[in-house]
Amino acid sequence: MNAVFENELLKKWLTDMQSEANAYQEPMLEEYTVSMIKIACNTFRQDFHVFCISADILEKYIHVKNVRGEKIKDPLLLVCAAIFVTSKYSGGGADLKLPIIGHFLKKLTGKEYDLHLIMLMEQDVLHVLNHMLPVTTQLDDFNVFLENCKKQYRLKLTIRPLCLEIMQLMYLEKKIWFNKLKQMYKNELKIFHDLMCSKFFLPEGILIAAFQLTHYQYILDINGMLQDLMKVTNIHPDHVLALSAVILHLIRD
């Protein structure tokens, strides 16, 4: 890709991230459910992008169902249907077929699942979400953010696998770190809501936590970097450091 075009495209993505905000929403998924999404994605040979979108879809689906006062009858079937929808939508992994899902469900539950039932759940997921699937995920936001930092601070992409491991942990234990942060900001809930809606907050916190776990903590001026990034993200360094401290606590626990 032409370097000038690549830089212009990156600049546009960053501008889009500045102008677009996530909707504030309390986390719905329990750690067990997210773990099941991960196990299913691994079994179905789906990539990390599918995992992220599936988790985001399920968060929205459960939120809508709760608002309607409707119960979820078969959580495991729902997880598989969400991954099935996502695999078609993103194409991020092996071609997923209904019999593979049926075999997985039978192995875990010991009962046969009519493949038509899986299709009905797939249709229900799409119907509840009004056929509106996520355009971007936290992974996409992080990739744009990291690409910008890589160019600006001459980072090596060897930091990325660690960042993705941290992001997976953030998905798995979202309720834990979300509630810890919420408690820290209990007297400043407006700030907390703004931070949780920012597309930069999690990517920045994850990257700083990764720096603090590697040799980068000795060769980078992290505080100076945070001051620079504040011009783009509008997030004060203290907020990012608070998030990175929570992340490090999660890792060490």
C-alpha atoms as a PDB file:
ATOM      1  CA  MET A   1       0.000   0.000   0.000  1.00  0.00           C
ATOM      2  CA  ASN A   2       1.284   3.487  -0.859  1.00  0.00           C
ATOM      3  CA  ALA A   3       2.753   5.078   2.303  1.00  0.00           C
ATOM      4  CA  VAL A   4       1.001   8.434   1.768  1.00  0.00           C
ATOM      5  CA  PHE A   5      -2.356   6.756   1.169  1.00  0.00           C
ATOM      6  CA  GLU A   6      -1.798   4.500   4.207  1.00  0.00           C
ATOM      7  CA  ASN A   7      -1.077   7.508   6.428  1.00  0.00           C
ATOM      8  CA  GLU A   8      -4.146   9.358   5.158  1.00  0.00           C
ATOM      9  CA  LEU A   9      -6.307   6.297   5.742  1.00  0.00           C
ATOM     10  CA  LEU A  10      -4.941   5.901   9.266  1.00  0.00           C
ATOM     11  CA  LYS A  11      -5.606   9.583   9.954  1.00  0.00           C
ATOM     12  CA  LYS A  12      -9.198   9.155   8.787  1.00  0.00           C
ATOM     13  CA  TRP A  13      -9.706   6.106  11.019  1.00  0.00           C
ATOM     14  CA  LEU A  14      -8.386   8.019  14.026  1.00  0.00           C
ATOM     15  CA  THR A  15     -10.715  10.922  13.237  1.00  0.00           C
ATOM     16  CA  ASP A  16     -13.629   8.488  13.008  1.00  0.00           C
ATOM     17  CA  MET A  17     -12.673   7.049  16.398  1.00  0.00           C
ATOM     18  CA  GLN A  18     -12.661  10.564  17.857  1.00  0.00           C
ATOM     19  CA  SER A  19     -16.080  11.450  16.457  1.00  0.00           C
ATOM     20  CA  GLU A  20     -17.805   8.133  17.139  1.00  0.00           C
ATOM     21  CA  ALA A  21     -18.621   7.019  20.650  1.00  0.00           C
ATOM     22  CA  ASN A  22     -19.743   3.685  21.996  1.00  0.00           C
ATOM     23  CA  ALA A  23     -23.099   3.646  23.755  1.00  0.00           C
ATOM     24  CA  TYR A  24     -22.745   3.332  27.532  1.00  0.00           C
ATOM     25  CA  GLN A  25     -23.943  -0.064  28.688  1.00  0.00           C
ATOM     26  CA  GLU A  26     -23.406  -2.114  31.819  1.00  0.00           C
ATOM     27  CA  PRO A  27     -21.786  -5.499  31.030  1.00  0.00           C
ATOM     28  CA  MET A  28     -24.227  -8.395  30.716  1.00  0.00           C
ATOM     29  CA  LEU A  29     -22.052 -11.457  30.097  1.00  0.00           C
ATOM     30  CA  GLU A  30     -20.783 -13.575  32.976  1.00  0.00           C
ATOM     31  CA  GLU A  31     -17.224 -14.920  32.848  1.00  0.00           C
ATOM     32  CA  TYR A  32     -18.564 -18.459  32.339  1.00  0.00           C
ATOM     33  CA  THR A  33     -20.472 -17.382  29.219  1.00  0.00           C
ATOM     34  CA  VAL A  34     -17.473 -15.584  27.727  1.00  0.00           C
ATOM     35  CA  SER A  35     -15.322 -18.641  28.471  1.00  0.00           C
ATOM     36  CA  MET A  36     -17.858 -20.768  26.621  1.00  0.00           C
ATOM     37  CA  ILE A  37     -17.699 -18.394  23.625  1.00  0.00           C
ATOM     38  CA  LYS A  38     -13.917 -18.826  23.606  1.00  0.00           C
ATOM     39  CA  ILE A  39     -14.118 -22.630  23.872  1.00  0.00           C
ATOM     40  CA  ALA A  40     -16.683 -22.782  21.060  1.00  0.00           C
ATOM     41  CA  CYS A  41     -14.633 -20.449  18.828  1.00  0.00           C
ATOM     42  CA  ASN A  42     -11.536 -22.592  19.376  1.00  0.00           C
ATOM     43  CA  THR A  43     -13.501 -25.771  18.639  1.00  0.00           C
ATOM     44  CA  PHE A  44     -14.996 -24.262  15.472  1.00  0.00           C
ATOM     45  CA  ARG A  45     -11.554 -22.884  14.461  1.00  0.00           C
ATOM     46  CA  GLN A  46     -12.757 -19.287  14.426  1.00  0.00           C
ATOM     47  CA  ASP A  47     -10.323 -16.409  14.921  1.00  0.00           C
ATOM     48  CA  PHE A  48     -10.120 -13.789  17.671  1.00  0.00           C
ATOM     49  CA  HIS A  49     -12.146 -11.322  15.612  1.00  0.00           C
ATOM     50  CA  VAL A  50     -15.085 -13.752  15.552  1.00  0.00           C
ATOM     51  CA  PHE A  51     -14.747 -14.175  19.314  1.00  0.00           C
ATOM     52  CA  CYS A  52     -14.907 -10.391  19.849  1.00  0.00           C
ATOM     53  CA  ILE A  53     -17.909  -9.839  17.564  1.00  0.00           C
ATOM     54  CA  SER A  54     -19.751 -12.826  19.059  1.00  0.00           C
ATOM     55  CA  ALA A  55     -19.268 -11.468  22.575  1.00  0.00           C
ATOM     56  CA  ASP A  56     -20.455  -8.009  21.471  1.00  0.00           C
ATOM     57  CA  ILE A  57     -23.505  -9.498  19.740  1.00  0.00           C
ATOM     58  CA  LEU A  58     -24.434 -11.479  22.839  1.00  0.00           C
ATOM     59  CA  GLU A  59     -24.056  -8.403  25.059  1.00  0.00           C
ATOM     60  CA  LYS A  60     -26.557  -6.535  22.877  1.00  0.00           C
ATOM     61  CA  TYR A  61     -28.891  -9.514  22.515  1.00  0.00           C
ATOM     62  CA  ILE A  62     -29.077 -10.108  26.276  1.00  0.00           C
ATOM     63  CA  HIS A  63     -29.564  -6.385  26.909  1.00  0.00           C
ATOM     64  CA  VAL A  64     -32.566  -6.277  24.551  1.00  0.00           C
ATOM     65  CA  LYS A  65     -34.033  -9.472  26.038  1.00  0.00           C
ATOM     66  CA  ASN A  66     -33.684  -8.067  29.557  1.00  0.00           C
ATOM     67  CA  VAL A  67     -35.417  -4.832  28.546  1.00  0.00           C
ATOM     68  CA  ARG A  68     -38.268  -6.908  27.099  1.00  0.00           C
ATOM     69  CA  GLY A  69     -38.407  -9.086  30.206  1.00  0.00           C
ATOM     70  CA  GLU A  70     -37.800 -12.217  28.138  1.00  0.00           C
ATOM     71  CA  LYS A  71     -35.806 -15.200  29.409  1.00  0.00           C
ATOM     72  CA  ILE A  72     -33.128 -17.080  27.487  1.00  0.00           C
ATOM     73  CA  LYS A  73     -34.084 -20.746  27.392  1.00  0.00           C
ATOM     74  CA  ASP A  74     -30.869 -22.315  26.068  1.00  0.00           C
ATOM     75  CA  PRO A  75     -27.719 -20.189  26.666  1.00  0.00           C
ATOM     76  CA  LEU A  76     -25.384 -22.697  25.005  1.00  0.00           C
ATOM     77  CA  LEU A  77     -27.492 -22.826  21.852  1.00  0.00           C
ATOM     78  CA  LEU A  78     -27.531 -19.026  21.867  1.00  0.00           C
ATOM     79  CA  VAL A  79     -23.717 -18.869  22.076  1.00  0.00           C
ATOM     80  CA  CYS A  80     -23.370 -21.247  19.120  1.00  0.00           C
ATOM     81  CA  ALA A  81     -25.954 -19.335  17.073  1.00  0.00           C
ATOM     82  CA  ALA A  82     -24.154 -16.043  17.728  1.00  0.00           C
ATOM     83  CA  ILE A  83     -20.854 -17.538  16.550  1.00  0.00           C
ATOM     84  CA  PHE A  84     -22.616 -18.986  13.494  1.00  0.00           C
ATOM     85  CA  VAL A  85     -23.984 -15.527  12.623  1.00  0.00           C
ATOM     86  CA  THR A  86     -20.575 -13.933  13.175  1.00  0.00           C
ATOM     87  CA  SER A  87     -18.670 -16.504  11.132  1.00  0.00           C
ATOM     88  CA  LYS A  88     -20.861 -15.701   8.120  1.00  0.00           C
ATOM     89  CA  TYR A  89     -20.594 -11.977   8.742  1.00  0.00           C
ATOM     90  CA  SER A  90     -16.837 -11.698   9.205  1.00  0.00           C
ATOM     91  CA  GLY A  91     -15.479 -14.834   7.540  1.00  0.00           C
ATOM     92  CA  GLY A  92     -12.833 -15.027  10.238  1.00  0.00           C
ATOM     93  CA  GLY A  93     -11.938 -18.688  10.369  1.00  0.00           C
ATOM     94  CA  ALA A  94     -12.932 -22.105   9.097  1.00  0.00           C
ATOM     95  CA  ASP A  95     -16.181 -22.505   7.185  1.00  0.00           C
ATOM     96  CA  LEU A  96     -18.696 -23.282   9.920  1.00  0.00           C
ATOM     97  CA  LYS A  97     -21.465 -25.767   9.124  1.00  0.00           C
ATOM     98  CA  LEU A  98     -24.600 -26.673  11.077  1.00  0.00           C
ATOM     99  CA  PRO A  99     -23.611 -30.352  11.639  1.00  0.00           C
ATOM    100  CA  ILE A 100     -20.373 -29.192  13.331  1.00  0.00           C
ATOM    101  CA  ILE A 101     -22.410 -27.050  15.729  1.00  0.00           C
ATOM    102  CA  GLY A 102     -24.844 -29.907  16.320  1.00  0.00           C
ATOM    103  CA  HIS A 103     -21.970 -32.288  17.157  1.00  0.00           C
ATOM    104  CA  PHE A 104     -20.483 -29.715  19.569  1.00  0.00           C
ATOM    105  CA  LEU A 105     -23.826 -29.235  21.344  1.00  0.00           C
ATOM    106  CA  LYS A 106     -24.342 -33.011  21.644  1.00  0.00           C
ATOM    107  CA  LYS A 107     -20.854 -33.490  23.052  1.00  0.00           C
ATOM    108  CA  LEU A 108     -21.470 -30.884  25.777  1.00  0.00           C
ATOM    109  CA  THR A 109     -25.090 -31.662  26.627  1.00  0.00           C
ATOM    110  CA  GLY A 110     -25.478 -35.313  25.686  1.00  0.00           C
ATOM    111  CA  LYS A 111     -28.597 -34.628  23.640  1.00  0.00           C
ATOM    112  CA  GLU A 112     -29.328 -34.358  19.948  1.00  0.00           C
ATOM    113  CA  TYR A 113     -30.101 -30.913  18.550  1.00  0.00           C
ATOM    114  CA  ASP A 114     -32.308 -30.561  15.507  1.00  0.00           C
ATOM    115  CA  LEU A 115     -30.270 -28.483  13.049  1.00  0.00           C
ATOM    116  CA  HIS A 116     -33.430 -26.552  12.246  1.00  0.00           C
ATOM    117  CA  LEU A 117     -33.463 -25.409  15.884  1.00  0.00           C
ATOM    118  CA  ILE A 118     -29.993 -23.893  15.441  1.00  0.00           C
ATOM    119  CA  MET A 119     -31.229 -22.032  12.355  1.00  0.00           C
ATOM    120  CA  LEU A 120     -34.248 -20.723  14.269  1.00  0.00           C
ATOM    121  CA  MET A 121     -31.955 -19.406  17.023  1.00  0.00           C
ATOM    122  CA  GLU A 122     -29.733 -17.797  14.385  1.00  0.00           C
ATOM    123  CA  GLN A 123     -32.812 -16.035  12.956  1.00  0.00           C
ATOM    124  CA  ASP A 124     -33.876 -14.975  16.458  1.00  0.00           C
ATOM    125  CA  VAL A 125     -30.471 -13.378  17.122  1.00  0.00           C
ATOM    126  CA  LEU A 126     -30.707 -11.385  13.907  1.00  0.00           C
ATOM    127  CA  HIS A 127     -34.341 -10.435  14.588  1.00  0.00           C
ATOM    128  CA  VAL A 128     -33.657  -9.248  18.162  1.00  0.00           C
ATOM    129  CA  LEU A 129     -30.709  -7.162  16.923  1.00  0.00           C
ATOM    130  CA  ASN A 130     -32.856  -5.811  14.084  1.00  0.00           C
ATOM    131  CA  HIS A 131     -30.266  -7.256  11.667  1.00  0.00           C
ATOM    132  CA  MET A 132     -27.777  -4.618  12.876  1.00  0.00           C
ATOM    133  CA  LEU A 133     -24.416  -6.253  13.614  1.00  0.00           C
ATOM    134  CA  PRO A 134     -21.356  -4.402  14.978  1.00  0.00           C
ATOM    135  CA  VAL A 135     -19.423  -2.509  12.315  1.00  0.00           C
ATOM    136  CA  THR A 136     -16.265  -2.395  14.431  1.00  0.00           C
ATOM    137  CA  THR A 137     -15.089  -4.080  17.621  1.00  0.00           C
ATOM    138  CA  GLN A 138     -12.660  -3.224  20.393  1.00  0.00           C
ATOM    139  CA  LEU A 139     -10.139  -5.279  18.413  1.00  0.00           C
ATOM    140  CA  ASP A 140     -10.582  -3.045  15.354  1.00  0.00           C
ATOM    141  CA  ASP A 141     -10.249   0.074  17.510  1.00  0.00           C
ATOM    142  CA  PHE A 142      -7.117  -1.326  19.112  1.00  0.00           C
ATOM    143  CA  ASN A 143      -5.544  -2.231  15.756  1.00  0.00           C
ATOM    144  CA  VAL A 144      -6.010   1.342  14.474  1.00  0.00           C
ATOM    145  CA  PHE A 145      -4.697   2.794  17.725  1.00  0.00           C
ATOM    146  CA  LEU A 146      -1.649   0.484  17.763  1.00  0.00           C
ATOM    147  CA  GLU A 147      -0.844   1.217  14.127  1.00  0.00           C
ATOM    148  CA  ASN A 148      -0.791   4.922  14.913  1.00  0.00           C
ATOM    149  CA  CYS A 149       1.430   4.405  17.968  1.00  0.00           C
ATOM    150  CA  LYS A 150       3.716   2.060  16.046  1.00  0.00           C
ATOM    151  CA  LYS A 151       4.420   4.744  13.465  1.00  0.00           C
ATOM    152  CA  GLN A 152       4.674   7.600  15.941  1.00  0.00           C
ATOM    153  CA  TYR A 153       6.827   5.858  18.572  1.00  0.00           C
ATOM    154  CA  ARG A 154       8.550   3.248  16.408  1.00  0.00           C
ATOM    155  CA  LEU A 155       7.110   0.317  18.294  1.00  0.00           C
ATOM    156  CA  LYS A 156       7.723  -3.267  17.250  1.00  0.00           C
ATOM    157  CA  LEU A 157       4.659  -5.366  16.537  1.00  0.00           C
ATOM    158  CA  THR A 158       6.024  -7.988  18.958  1.00  0.00           C
ATOM    159  CA  ILE A 159       3.956  -6.127  21.587  1.00  0.00           C
ATOM    160  CA  ARG A 160       0.700  -7.015  19.801  1.00  0.00           C
ATOM    161  CA  PRO A 161       0.306 -10.681  20.931  1.00  0.00           C
ATOM    162  CA  LEU A 162       0.607  -9.608  24.571  1.00  0.00           C
ATOM    163  CA  CYS A 163      -1.957  -6.854  23.977  1.00  0.00           C
ATOM    164  CA  LEU A 164      -4.381  -9.372  22.468  1.00  0.00           C
ATOM    165  CA  GLU A 165      -3.951 -11.672  25.466  1.00  0.00           C
ATOM    166  CA  ILE A 166      -4.785  -8.728  27.718  1.00  0.00           C
ATOM    167  CA  MET A 167      -7.805  -7.882  25.561  1.00  0.00           C
ATOM    168  CA  GLN A 168      -9.053 -11.459  25.840  1.00  0.00           C
ATOM    169  CA  LEU A 169      -8.705 -11.194  29.621  1.00  0.00           C
ATOM    170  CA  MET A 170     -10.674  -7.925  29.499  1.00  0.00           C
ATOM    171  CA  TYR A 171     -13.499  -9.708  27.691  1.00  0.00           C
ATOM    172  CA  LEU A 172     -13.423 -12.655  30.102  1.00  0.00           C
ATOM    173  CA  GLU A 173     -13.418 -10.551  33.252  1.00  0.00           C
ATOM    174  CA  LYS A 174     -15.300  -7.507  32.043  1.00  0.00           C
ATOM    175  CA  LYS A 175     -17.723  -7.406  34.960  1.00  0.00           C
ATOM    176  CA  ILE A 176     -14.834  -7.479  37.449  1.00  0.00           C
ATOM    177  CA  TRP A 177     -12.733  -4.641  36.001  1.00  0.00           C
ATOM    178  CA  PHE A 178     -15.802  -2.635  34.978  1.00  0.00           C
ATOM    179  CA  ASN A 179     -17.164  -2.677  38.537  1.00  0.00           C
ATOM    180  CA  LYS A 180     -13.740  -1.907  40.015  1.00  0.00           C
ATOM    181  CA  LEU A 181     -13.445   1.174  37.836  1.00  0.00           C
ATOM    182  CA  LYS A 182     -17.029   2.175  38.515  1.00  0.00           C
ATOM    183  CA  GLN A 183     -16.326   2.018  42.253  1.00  0.00           C
ATOM    184  CA  MET A 184     -13.199   4.160  41.786  1.00  0.00           C
ATOM    185  CA  TYR A 185     -15.287   6.768  39.950  1.00  0.00           C
ATOM    186  CA  LYS A 186     -18.346   6.515  42.191  1.00  0.00           C
ATOM    187  CA  ASN A 187     -18.230  10.268  42.868  1.00  0.00           C
ATOM    188  CA  GLU A 188     -17.513  11.080  39.199  1.00  0.00           C
ATOM    189  CA  LEU A 189     -19.921   8.867  37.289  1.00  0.00           C
ATOM    190  CA  LYS A 190     -20.189  11.298  34.361  1.00  0.00           C
ATOM    191  CA  ILE A 191     -16.435  10.944  33.792  1.00  0.00           C
ATOM    192  CA  PHE A 192     -16.722   7.158  34.115  1.00  0.00           C
ATOM    193  CA  HIS A 193     -19.517   7.032  31.535  1.00  0.00           C
ATOM    194  CA  ASP A 194     -17.499   9.209  29.137  1.00  0.00           C
ATOM    195  CA  LEU A 195     -14.450   6.984  29.541  1.00  0.00           C
ATOM    196  CA  MET A 196     -16.434   3.821  28.912  1.00  0.00           C
ATOM    197  CA  CYS A 197     -17.944   5.365  25.788  1.00  0.00           C
ATOM    198  CA  SER A 198     -14.568   6.451  24.383  1.00  0.00           C
ATOM    199  CA  LYS A 199     -13.151   4.237  21.637  1.00  0.00           C
ATOM    200  CA  PHE A 200      -9.629   5.121  22.833  1.00  0.00           C
ATOM    201  CA  PHE A 201      -9.854   4.315  26.553  1.00  0.00           C
ATOM    202  CA  LEU A 202      -9.498   0.515  26.464  1.00  0.00           C
ATOM    203  CA  PRO A 203      -6.902   0.401  23.647  1.00  0.00           C
ATOM    204  CA  GLU A 204      -4.783   2.990  25.450  1.00  0.00           C
ATOM    205  CA  GLY A 205      -5.069   1.245  28.819  1.00  0.00           C
ATOM    206  CA  ILE A 206      -4.225  -2.141  27.301  1.00  0.00           C
ATOM    207  CA  LEU A 207      -1.168  -0.783  25.499  1.00  0.00           C
ATOM    208  CA  ILE A 208       0.162   0.986  28.595  1.00  0.00           C
ATOM    209  CA  ALA A 209      -0.347  -2.170  30.681  1.00  0.00           C
ATOM    210  CA  ALA A 210       1.602  -4.136  28.045  1.00  0.00           C
ATOM    211  CA  PHE A 211       4.426  -1.576  28.234  1.00  0.00           C
ATOM    212  CA  GLN A 212       4.500  -1.934  32.014  1.00  0.00           C
ATOM    213  CA  LEU A 213       4.890  -5.709  31.646  1.00  0.00           C
ATOM    214  CA  THR A 214       7.807  -5.532  29.192  1.00  0.00           C
ATOM    215  CA  HIS A 215      11.147  -3.830  28.629  1.00  0.00           C
ATOM    216  CA  TYR A 216       9.282  -0.879  27.102  1.00  0.00           C
ATOM    217  CA  GLN A 217       8.760   0.461  30.625  1.00  0.00           C
ATOM    218  CA  TYR A 218      12.511   1.164  30.738  1.00  0.00           C
ATOM    219  CA  ILE A 219      13.003   2.668  27.277  1.00  0.00           C
ATOM    220  CA  LEU A 220       9.783   4.634  26.712  1.00  0.00           C
ATOM    221  CA  ASP A 221       8.765   7.868  28.361  1.00  0.00           C
ATOM    222  CA  ILE A 222       5.289   6.550  29.152  1.00  0.00           C
ATOM    223  CA  ASN A 223       4.135   9.726  30.901  1.00  0.00           C
ATOM    224  CA  GLY A 224       5.320  11.859  27.981  1.00  0.00           C
ATOM    225  CA  MET A 225       3.591   9.495  25.559  1.00  0.00           C
ATOM    226  CA  LEU A 226       0.330   9.772  27.514  1.00  0.00           C
ATOM    227  CA  GLN A 227       0.558  13.565  27.400  1.00  0.00           C
ATOM    228  CA  ASP A 228       1.018  13.394  23.621  1.00  0.00           C
ATOM    229  CA  LEU A 229      -1.858  10.956  23.184  1.00  0.00           C
ATOM    230  CA  MET A 230      -4.164  13.179  25.220  1.00  0.00           C
ATOM    231  CA  LYS A 231      -4.128  15.641  22.294  1.00  0.00           C
ATOM    232  CA  VAL A 232      -5.763  12.918  20.165  1.00  0.00           C
ATOM    233  CA  THR A 233      -7.828  10.998  22.693  1.00  0.00           C
ATOM    234  CA  ASN A 234      -8.874  13.803  25.086  1.00  0.00           C
ATOM    235  CA  ILE A 235      -8.256  11.360  27.940  1.00  0.00           C
ATOM    236  CA  HIS A 236      -6.152  12.552  30.873  1.00  0.00           C
ATOM    237  CA  PRO A 237      -3.153  10.299  31.647  1.00  0.00           C
ATOM    238  CA  ASP A 238      -4.422   9.694  35.196  1.00  0.00           C
ATOM    239  CA  HIS A 239      -7.473   7.873  33.803  1.00  0.00           C
ATOM    240  CA  VAL A 240      -5.345   5.667  31.545  1.00  0.00           C
ATOM    241  CA  LEU A 241      -2.955   4.839  34.386  1.00  0.00           C
ATOM    242  CA  ALA A 242      -5.916   3.956  36.620  1.00  0.00           C
ATOM    243  CA  LEU A 243      -7.167   1.514  33.971  1.00  0.00           C
ATOM    244  CA  SER A 244      -3.705   0.015  33.419  1.00  0.00           C
ATOM    245  CA  ALA A 245      -3.348  -0.486  37.203  1.00  0.00           C
ATOM    246  CA  VAL A 246      -6.651  -2.400  37.260  1.00  0.00           C
ATOM    247  CA  ILE A 247      -5.483  -4.492  34.291  1.00  0.00           C
ATOM    248  CA  LEU A 248      -2.167  -5.326  35.982  1.00  0.00           C
ATOM    249  CA  HIS A 249      -4.044  -6.299  39.154  1.00  0.00           C
ATOM    250  CA  LEU A 250      -6.254  -8.654  37.102  1.00  0.00           C
ATOM    251  CA  ILE A 251      -3.197 -10.259  35.497  1.00  0.00           C
ATOM    252  CA  ARG A 252      -1.374 -10.733  38.802  1.00  0.00           C
ATOM    253  CA  ASP A 253      -4.452 -12.221  40.451  1.00  0.00           C
END
